[in-house]
Amino acid sequence: MSPATLAALAAILIAICSFAAPASAQTVCEEHMIRISKAYDIPVGVLYSVGLTESGRRNSLQPYALNIHG
């Protein structure tokens, strides 16, 4: 899978997670990661790492942080 495709999938995942309620955002993000991981055969750890990198956090996902322009 190309880096551009992986980045697009990560952006989609983060966008999906942005609709989650703040109290349960991490759980919702992780549920979406598992679903997308299975659908596209991408390791969950890769998606989680991209989510952490995009949000700028080291230990928690931030579904409202979407770095579109890189």
N, C-alpha and C. Protein backbone atom coordinates (compact mmCIF):
# COMPACT_ATOMS: atom_id res chain seq x y z
N MET A 1 0.85 -1.16 0.00
CA MET A 1 0.00 0.00 0.00
C MET A 1 0.90 1.23 0.00
N SER A 2 0.60 2.17 -0.87
CA SER A 2 1.45 3.35 -1.02
C SER A 2 1.27 4.30 0.18
N PRO A 3 2.29 5.12 0.44
CA PRO A 3 2.18 6.08 1.53
C PRO A 3 1.00 7.05 1.34
N ALA A 4 0.73 7.43 0.10
CA ALA A 4 -0.39 8.34 -0.16
C ALA A 4 -1.72 7.69 0.20
N THR A 5 -1.86 6.41 -0.11
CA THR A 5 -3.10 5.70 0.22
C THR A 5 -3.24 5.56 1.72
N LEU A 6 -2.15 5.24 2.38
CA LEU A 6 -2.17 5.12 3.84
C LEU A 6 -2.52 6.46 4.49
N ALA A 7 -1.96 7.53 3.98
CA ALA A 7 -2.26 8.86 4.51
C ALA A 7 -3.73 9.21 4.30
N ALA A 8 -4.26 8.86 3.13
CA ALA A 8 -5.68 9.12 2.85
C ALA A 8 -6.57 8.33 3.80
N LEU A 9 -6.24 7.07 4.03
CA LEU A 9 -7.03 6.25 4.96
C LEU A 9 -6.95 6.81 6.38
N ALA A 10 -5.77 7.26 6.77
CA ALA A 10 -5.62 7.85 8.10
C ALA A 10 -6.45 9.12 8.22
N ALA A 11 -6.46 9.94 7.17
CA ALA A 11 -7.26 11.16 7.18
C ALA A 11 -8.74 10.83 7.29
N ILE A 12 -9.17 9.81 6.57
CA ILE A 12 -10.57 9.38 6.64
C ILE A 12 -10.90 8.91 8.05
N LEU A 13 -10.01 8.12 8.62
CA LEU A 13 -10.22 7.61 9.97
C LEU A 13 -10.34 8.75 10.98
N ILE A 14 -9.46 9.71 10.88
CA ILE A 14 -9.49 10.83 11.81
C ILE A 14 -10.75 11.66 11.60
N ALA A 15 -11.15 11.83 10.34
CA ALA A 15 -12.38 12.57 10.06
C ALA A 15 -13.59 11.85 10.66
N ILE A 16 -13.62 10.54 10.53
CA ILE A 16 -14.72 9.77 11.10
C ILE A 16 -14.75 9.93 12.62
N CYS A 17 -13.59 9.91 13.22
CA CYS A 17 -13.51 10.04 14.67
C CYS A 17 -13.89 11.43 15.15
N SER A 18 -13.81 12.43 14.29
CA SER A 18 -14.12 13.79 14.70
C SER A 18 -15.60 13.98 15.02
N PHE A 19 -16.44 13.05 14.60
CA PHE A 19 -17.86 13.14 14.89
C PHE A 19 -18.22 12.50 16.23
N ALA A 20 -17.26 11.97 16.91
CA ALA A 20 -17.51 11.27 18.17
C ALA A 20 -17.68 12.28 19.30
N ALA A 21 -18.39 11.88 20.32
CA ALA A 21 -18.54 12.71 21.50
C ALA A 21 -17.21 12.75 22.25
N PRO A 22 -16.84 13.90 22.81
CA PRO A 22 -15.55 14.01 23.48
C PRO A 22 -15.32 12.98 24.58
N ALA A 23 -16.34 12.60 25.30
CA ALA A 23 -16.16 11.67 26.41
C ALA A 23 -15.75 10.28 25.95
N SER A 24 -16.19 9.87 24.78
CA SER A 24 -15.89 8.52 24.32
C SER A 24 -15.09 8.52 23.03
N ALA A 25 -14.41 9.61 22.73
CA ALA A 25 -13.72 9.74 21.45
C ALA A 25 -12.65 8.68 21.26
N GLN A 26 -11.87 8.39 22.29
CA GLN A 26 -10.80 7.42 22.14
C GLN A 26 -11.36 6.03 21.84
N THR A 27 -12.40 5.65 22.53
CA THR A 27 -13.01 4.34 22.29
C THR A 27 -13.57 4.26 20.87
N VAL A 28 -14.23 5.32 20.43
CA VAL A 28 -14.81 5.34 19.09
C VAL A 28 -13.69 5.28 18.05
N CYS A 29 -12.63 6.04 18.25
CA CYS A 29 -11.51 6.01 17.30
C CYS A 29 -10.92 4.61 17.20
N GLU A 30 -10.75 3.98 18.34
CA GLU A 30 -10.17 2.64 18.33
C GLU A 30 -11.09 1.64 17.65
N GLU A 31 -12.40 1.79 17.82
CA GLU A 31 -13.35 0.91 17.13
C GLU A 31 -13.24 1.08 15.62
N HIS A 32 -13.14 2.32 15.17
CA HIS A 32 -12.99 2.58 13.73
C HIS A 32 -11.66 2.05 13.21
N MET A 33 -10.61 2.19 14.02
CA MET A 33 -9.30 1.68 13.60
C MET A 33 -9.34 0.17 13.39
N ILE A 34 -9.98 -0.53 14.28
CA ILE A 34 -10.07 -1.99 14.15
C ILE A 34 -10.84 -2.36 12.90
N ARG A 35 -11.95 -1.66 12.65
CA ARG A 35 -12.77 -1.96 11.48
C ARG A 35 -12.00 -1.68 10.19
N ILE A 36 -11.34 -0.53 10.11
CA ILE A 36 -10.59 -0.17 8.91
C ILE A 36 -9.37 -1.07 8.75
N SER A 37 -8.75 -1.44 9.85
CA SER A 37 -7.61 -2.34 9.80
C SER A 37 -7.97 -3.66 9.13
N LYS A 38 -9.11 -4.20 9.51
CA LYS A 38 -9.56 -5.46 8.91
C LYS A 38 -9.98 -5.28 7.46
N ALA A 39 -10.64 -4.18 7.15
CA ALA A 39 -11.15 -3.95 5.80
C ALA A 39 -10.03 -3.75 4.78
N TYR A 40 -8.95 -3.07 5.19
CA TYR A 40 -7.87 -2.74 4.26
C TYR A 40 -6.57 -3.48 4.55
N ASP A 41 -6.60 -4.41 5.49
CA ASP A 41 -5.43 -5.22 5.85
C ASP A 41 -4.24 -4.34 6.24
N ILE A 42 -4.51 -3.38 7.11
CA ILE A 42 -3.47 -2.49 7.63
C ILE A 42 -3.35 -2.79 9.13
N PRO A 43 -2.15 -2.98 9.64
CA PRO A 43 -2.00 -3.24 11.07
C PRO A 43 -2.58 -2.10 11.92
N VAL A 44 -3.29 -2.45 12.98
CA VAL A 44 -3.90 -1.46 13.85
C VAL A 44 -2.84 -0.52 14.42
N GLY A 45 -1.67 -1.06 14.72
CA GLY A 45 -0.59 -0.25 15.27
C GLY A 45 -0.16 0.87 14.33
N VAL A 46 -0.19 0.60 13.04
CA VAL A 46 0.16 1.63 12.06
C VAL A 46 -0.88 2.74 12.09
N LEU A 47 -2.16 2.37 12.07
CA LEU A 47 -3.22 3.38 12.11
C LEU A 47 -3.16 4.19 13.41
N TYR A 48 -2.90 3.51 14.51
CA TYR A 48 -2.81 4.20 15.80
C TYR A 48 -1.63 5.17 15.81
N SER A 49 -0.51 4.74 15.26
CA SER A 49 0.68 5.60 15.19
C SER A 49 0.43 6.83 14.34
N VAL A 50 -0.23 6.63 13.20
CA VAL A 50 -0.56 7.77 12.33
C VAL A 50 -1.50 8.72 13.06
N GLY A 51 -2.49 8.17 13.76
CA GLY A 51 -3.41 9.01 14.52
C GLY A 51 -2.71 9.84 15.58
N LEU A 52 -1.78 9.22 16.29
CA LEU A 52 -1.02 9.95 17.31
C LEU A 52 -0.14 11.02 16.67
N THR A 53 0.49 10.69 15.55
CA THR A 53 1.35 11.64 14.86
C THR A 53 0.54 12.82 14.35
N GLU A 54 -0.59 12.54 13.73
CA GLU A 54 -1.43 13.61 13.19
C GLU A 54 -1.98 14.51 14.29
N SER A 55 -2.28 13.96 15.44
CA SER A 55 -2.85 14.76 16.51
C SER A 55 -1.78 15.50 17.32
N GLY A 56 -0.53 15.08 17.18
CA GLY A 56 0.55 15.73 17.91
C GLY A 56 0.65 15.32 19.37
N ARG A 57 -0.03 14.25 19.73
CA ARG A 57 0.00 13.76 21.11
C ARG A 57 0.82 12.49 21.18
N ARG A 58 1.37 12.20 22.35
CA ARG A 58 2.17 10.99 22.50
C ARG A 58 1.38 9.83 23.09
N ASN A 59 0.34 10.13 23.85
CA ASN A 59 -0.32 9.03 24.56
C ASN A 59 -1.83 8.98 24.41
N SER A 60 -2.42 9.85 23.60
CA SER A 60 -3.87 9.79 23.41
C SER A 60 -4.24 10.33 22.04
N LEU A 61 -5.27 9.76 21.47
CA LEU A 61 -5.76 10.22 20.18
C LEU A 61 -6.60 11.47 20.37
N GLN A 62 -6.49 12.39 19.45
CA GLN A 62 -7.28 13.61 19.48
C GLN A 62 -8.08 13.67 18.17
N PRO A 63 -9.33 13.22 18.17
CA PRO A 63 -10.09 13.13 16.93
C PRO A 63 -10.37 14.48 16.28
N TYR A 64 -10.21 15.57 17.00
CA TYR A 64 -10.49 16.88 16.42
C TYR A 64 -9.26 17.52 15.79
N ALA A 65 -8.12 16.87 15.87
CA ALA A 65 -6.89 17.38 15.27
C ALA A 65 -6.66 16.66 13.95
N LEU A 66 -6.81 17.38 12.85
CA LEU A 66 -6.63 16.78 11.53
C LEU A 66 -5.65 17.64 10.76
N ASN A 67 -4.48 17.12 10.50
CA ASN A 67 -3.43 17.85 9.80
C ASN A 67 -3.57 17.58 8.30
N ILE A 68 -4.41 18.36 7.64
CA ILE A 68 -4.70 18.13 6.23
C ILE A 68 -3.53 18.53 5.34
N HIS A 69 -2.87 19.63 5.66
CA HIS A 69 -1.82 20.15 4.79
C HIS A 69 -0.43 19.60 5.10
N GLY A 70 -0.32 18.70 6.04
CA GLY A 70 0.96 18.06 6.33
C GLY A 70 1.86 18.93 7.10
